[in-house]
Amino acid sequence: MLRGLTQVPSEDLEELLRAVHRGRLEFPLRRQGLLLLGMNRLAEHASLLQGLDERGLRAVLVAVLAERRR
């Protein structure tokens, strides 16, 4: 069963968003890129994010974090 990002802590998503803002990722996003940044826990659950370009990744992260803060 695909659970999307429900298993990923908000702190990990915030860390990923910071990495995007700082230009530390290559796009399209790949699992290997997350692992190279030490985001192993995120890489295990982030199949939904793989293949996204920078704009798409930002949009997903902002939307998920906003929903969680509601």
N, C-alpha and C. Protein backbone atom coordinates (compact mmCIF):
# COMPACT_ATOMS: atom_id res chain seq x y z
N MET A 1 0.84 -1.19 0.00
CA MET A 1 0.00 0.00 0.00
C MET A 1 0.88 1.25 0.00
N LEU A 2 0.61 2.17 -0.88
CA LEU A 2 1.35 3.41 -0.99
C LEU A 2 0.81 4.41 0.03
N ARG A 3 1.70 4.92 0.88
CA ARG A 3 1.27 5.85 1.93
C ARG A 3 1.75 7.28 1.68
N GLY A 4 2.34 7.52 0.53
CA GLY A 4 2.80 8.86 0.23
C GLY A 4 3.84 9.32 1.22
N LEU A 5 3.63 10.49 1.78
CA LEU A 5 4.59 11.07 2.72
C LEU A 5 4.14 10.97 4.17
N THR A 6 3.12 10.18 4.44
CA THR A 6 2.59 10.11 5.80
C THR A 6 3.59 9.57 6.80
N GLN A 7 4.54 8.77 6.36
CA GLN A 7 5.54 8.19 7.27
C GLN A 7 6.77 9.09 7.44
N VAL A 8 6.81 10.20 6.73
CA VAL A 8 7.96 11.10 6.77
C VAL A 8 7.69 12.22 7.76
N PRO A 9 8.56 12.37 8.76
CA PRO A 9 8.38 13.46 9.74
C PRO A 9 8.48 14.84 9.07
N SER A 10 7.74 15.78 9.60
CA SER A 10 7.77 17.15 9.07
C SER A 10 9.19 17.72 9.08
N GLU A 11 9.97 17.37 10.08
CA GLU A 11 11.35 17.88 10.17
C GLU A 11 12.16 17.46 8.95
N ASP A 12 11.94 16.25 8.47
CA ASP A 12 12.66 15.77 7.28
C ASP A 12 12.22 16.54 6.04
N LEU A 13 10.93 16.81 5.94
CA LEU A 13 10.43 17.57 4.80
C LEU A 13 10.95 19.01 4.83
N GLU A 14 11.02 19.58 6.02
CA GLU A 14 11.57 20.94 6.16
C GLU A 14 13.05 20.96 5.78
N GLU A 15 13.78 19.94 6.18
CA GLU A 15 15.19 19.84 5.83
C GLU A 15 15.36 19.75 4.31
N LEU A 16 14.50 18.97 3.68
CA LEU A 16 14.55 18.84 2.22
C LEU A 16 14.22 20.16 1.55
N LEU A 17 13.25 20.89 2.06
CA LEU A 17 12.90 22.19 1.49
C LEU A 17 14.07 23.17 1.63
N ARG A 18 14.75 23.12 2.77
CA ARG A 18 15.95 23.97 2.94
C ARG A 18 17.02 23.61 1.91
N ALA A 19 17.20 22.33 1.66
CA ALA A 19 18.18 21.88 0.67
C ALA A 19 17.81 22.39 -0.73
N VAL A 20 16.53 22.40 -1.03
CA VAL A 20 16.07 22.93 -2.32
C VAL A 20 16.40 24.41 -2.42
N HIS A 21 16.08 25.16 -1.37
CA HIS A 21 16.33 26.61 -1.35
C HIS A 21 17.82 26.92 -1.49
N ARG A 22 18.65 26.07 -0.94
CA ARG A 22 20.11 26.28 -0.97
C ARG A 22 20.77 25.73 -2.22
N GLY A 23 19.99 25.11 -3.10
CA GLY A 23 20.53 24.58 -4.34
C GLY A 23 21.39 23.35 -4.16
N ARG A 24 21.11 22.54 -3.15
CA ARG A 24 21.93 21.37 -2.85
C ARG A 24 21.46 20.10 -3.55
N LEU A 25 20.40 20.17 -4.34
CA LEU A 25 19.85 18.99 -5.00
C LEU A 25 19.98 19.11 -6.51
N GLU A 26 20.07 17.96 -7.15
CA GLU A 26 20.01 17.91 -8.61
C GLU A 26 18.61 17.44 -9.00
N PHE A 27 18.16 17.92 -10.13
CA PHE A 27 16.83 17.56 -10.61
C PHE A 27 16.91 16.93 -11.97
N PRO A 28 16.00 16.02 -12.28
CA PRO A 28 14.89 15.58 -11.43
C PRO A 28 15.40 14.85 -10.19
N LEU A 29 14.62 14.92 -9.13
CA LEU A 29 15.01 14.34 -7.85
C LEU A 29 15.11 12.83 -7.97
N ARG A 30 16.17 12.29 -7.41
CA ARG A 30 16.41 10.85 -7.39
C ARG A 30 16.71 10.41 -5.96
N ARG A 31 16.40 9.17 -5.68
CA ARG A 31 16.67 8.58 -4.36
C ARG A 31 18.15 8.72 -4.01
N GLN A 32 19.01 8.49 -4.97
CA GLN A 32 20.45 8.58 -4.74
C GLN A 32 20.85 9.97 -4.25
N GLY A 33 20.23 11.01 -4.80
CA GLY A 33 20.54 12.37 -4.36
C GLY A 33 20.19 12.59 -2.91
N LEU A 34 19.08 12.02 -2.46
CA LEU A 34 18.69 12.13 -1.06
C LEU A 34 19.68 11.39 -0.17
N LEU A 35 20.09 10.21 -0.62
CA LEU A 35 21.05 9.42 0.16
C LEU A 35 22.39 10.14 0.27
N LEU A 36 22.83 10.79 -0.80
CA LEU A 36 24.10 11.52 -0.78
C LEU A 36 24.07 12.69 0.21
N LEU A 37 22.90 13.23 0.44
CA LEU A 37 22.75 14.34 1.41
C LEU A 37 22.51 13.83 2.82
N GLY A 38 22.51 12.51 3.00
CA GLY A 38 22.27 11.93 4.32
C GLY A 38 20.82 11.89 4.72
N MET A 39 19.94 12.03 3.77
CA MET A 39 18.49 12.00 4.04
C MET A 39 17.96 10.59 3.82
N ASN A 40 18.56 9.64 4.50
CA ASN A 40 18.25 8.23 4.31
C ASN A 40 16.80 7.90 4.66
N ARG A 41 16.34 8.41 5.78
CA ARG A 41 14.96 8.11 6.21
C ARG A 41 13.97 8.65 5.17
N LEU A 42 14.22 9.81 4.66
CA LEU A 42 13.36 10.40 3.64
C LEU A 42 13.43 9.60 2.34
N ALA A 43 14.60 9.16 1.98
CA ALA A 43 14.78 8.39 0.74
C ALA A 43 13.97 7.10 0.76
N GLU A 44 13.81 6.51 1.93
CA GLU A 44 13.06 5.26 2.05
C GLU A 44 11.57 5.42 1.79
N HIS A 45 11.04 6.60 2.03
CA HIS A 45 9.59 6.81 1.93
C HIS A 45 9.18 7.84 0.87
N ALA A 46 10.13 8.29 0.08
CA ALA A 46 9.84 9.43 -0.78
C ALA A 46 9.65 9.06 -2.25
N SER A 47 9.11 7.90 -2.54
CA SER A 47 8.92 7.52 -3.95
C SER A 47 8.02 8.52 -4.67
N LEU A 48 7.12 9.14 -3.94
CA LEU A 48 6.22 10.15 -4.50
C LEU A 48 6.99 11.35 -5.06
N LEU A 49 8.13 11.66 -4.46
CA LEU A 49 8.91 12.84 -4.84
C LEU A 49 9.89 12.58 -5.97
N GLN A 50 10.23 11.34 -6.17
CA GLN A 50 11.24 11.01 -7.17
C GLN A 50 10.78 11.39 -8.56
N GLY A 51 11.68 12.01 -9.29
CA GLY A 51 11.39 12.43 -10.66
C GLY A 51 10.86 13.84 -10.78
N LEU A 52 10.56 14.47 -9.65
CA LEU A 52 10.05 15.85 -9.70
C LEU A 52 11.15 16.84 -10.05
N ASP A 53 10.77 17.89 -10.74
CA ASP A 53 11.72 18.98 -10.96
C ASP A 53 11.66 19.91 -9.74
N GLU A 54 12.48 20.94 -9.74
CA GLU A 54 12.55 21.83 -8.58
C GLU A 54 11.21 22.48 -8.26
N ARG A 55 10.55 22.96 -9.25
CA ARG A 55 9.26 23.64 -9.04
C ARG A 55 8.22 22.68 -8.46
N GLY A 56 8.16 21.47 -9.00
CA GLY A 56 7.21 20.48 -8.51
C GLY A 56 7.51 20.05 -7.09
N LEU A 57 8.79 19.86 -6.78
CA LEU A 57 9.17 19.46 -5.43
C LEU A 57 8.82 20.55 -4.42
N ARG A 58 9.12 21.78 -4.76
CA ARG A 58 8.77 22.90 -3.85
C ARG A 58 7.26 22.92 -3.60
N ALA A 59 6.49 22.77 -4.65
CA ALA A 59 5.03 22.83 -4.51
C ALA A 59 4.52 21.72 -3.60
N VAL A 60 5.00 20.50 -3.79
CA VAL A 60 4.57 19.38 -2.95
C VAL A 60 4.97 19.60 -1.50
N LEU A 61 6.21 19.98 -1.27
CA LEU A 61 6.69 20.16 0.11
C LEU A 61 5.91 21.27 0.83
N VAL A 62 5.71 22.38 0.16
CA VAL A 62 4.98 23.51 0.78
C VAL A 62 3.55 23.08 1.08
N ALA A 63 2.91 22.38 0.16
CA ALA A 63 1.53 21.96 0.37
C ALA A 63 1.41 20.96 1.53
N VAL A 64 2.30 19.99 1.59
CA VAL A 64 2.25 18.98 2.66
C VAL A 64 2.51 19.63 4.01
N LEU A 65 3.52 20.49 4.07
CA LEU A 65 3.83 21.14 5.36
C LEU A 65 2.69 22.07 5.79
N ALA A 66 2.09 22.77 4.86
CA ALA A 66 0.96 23.65 5.19
C ALA A 66 -0.22 22.84 5.71
N GLU A 67 -0.50 21.72 5.08
CA GLU A 67 -1.60 20.86 5.51
C GLU A 67 -1.36 20.32 6.92
N ARG A 68 -0.14 19.97 7.21
CA ARG A 68 0.17 19.43 8.53
C ARG A 68 0.06 20.50 9.62
N ARG A 69 0.30 21.72 9.28
CA ARG A 69 0.25 22.81 10.26
C ARG A 69 -1.16 23.30 10.51
N ARG A 70 -2.11 22.88 9.69
CA ARG A 70 -3.50 23.31 9.80
C ARG A 70 -4.14 22.91 11.06
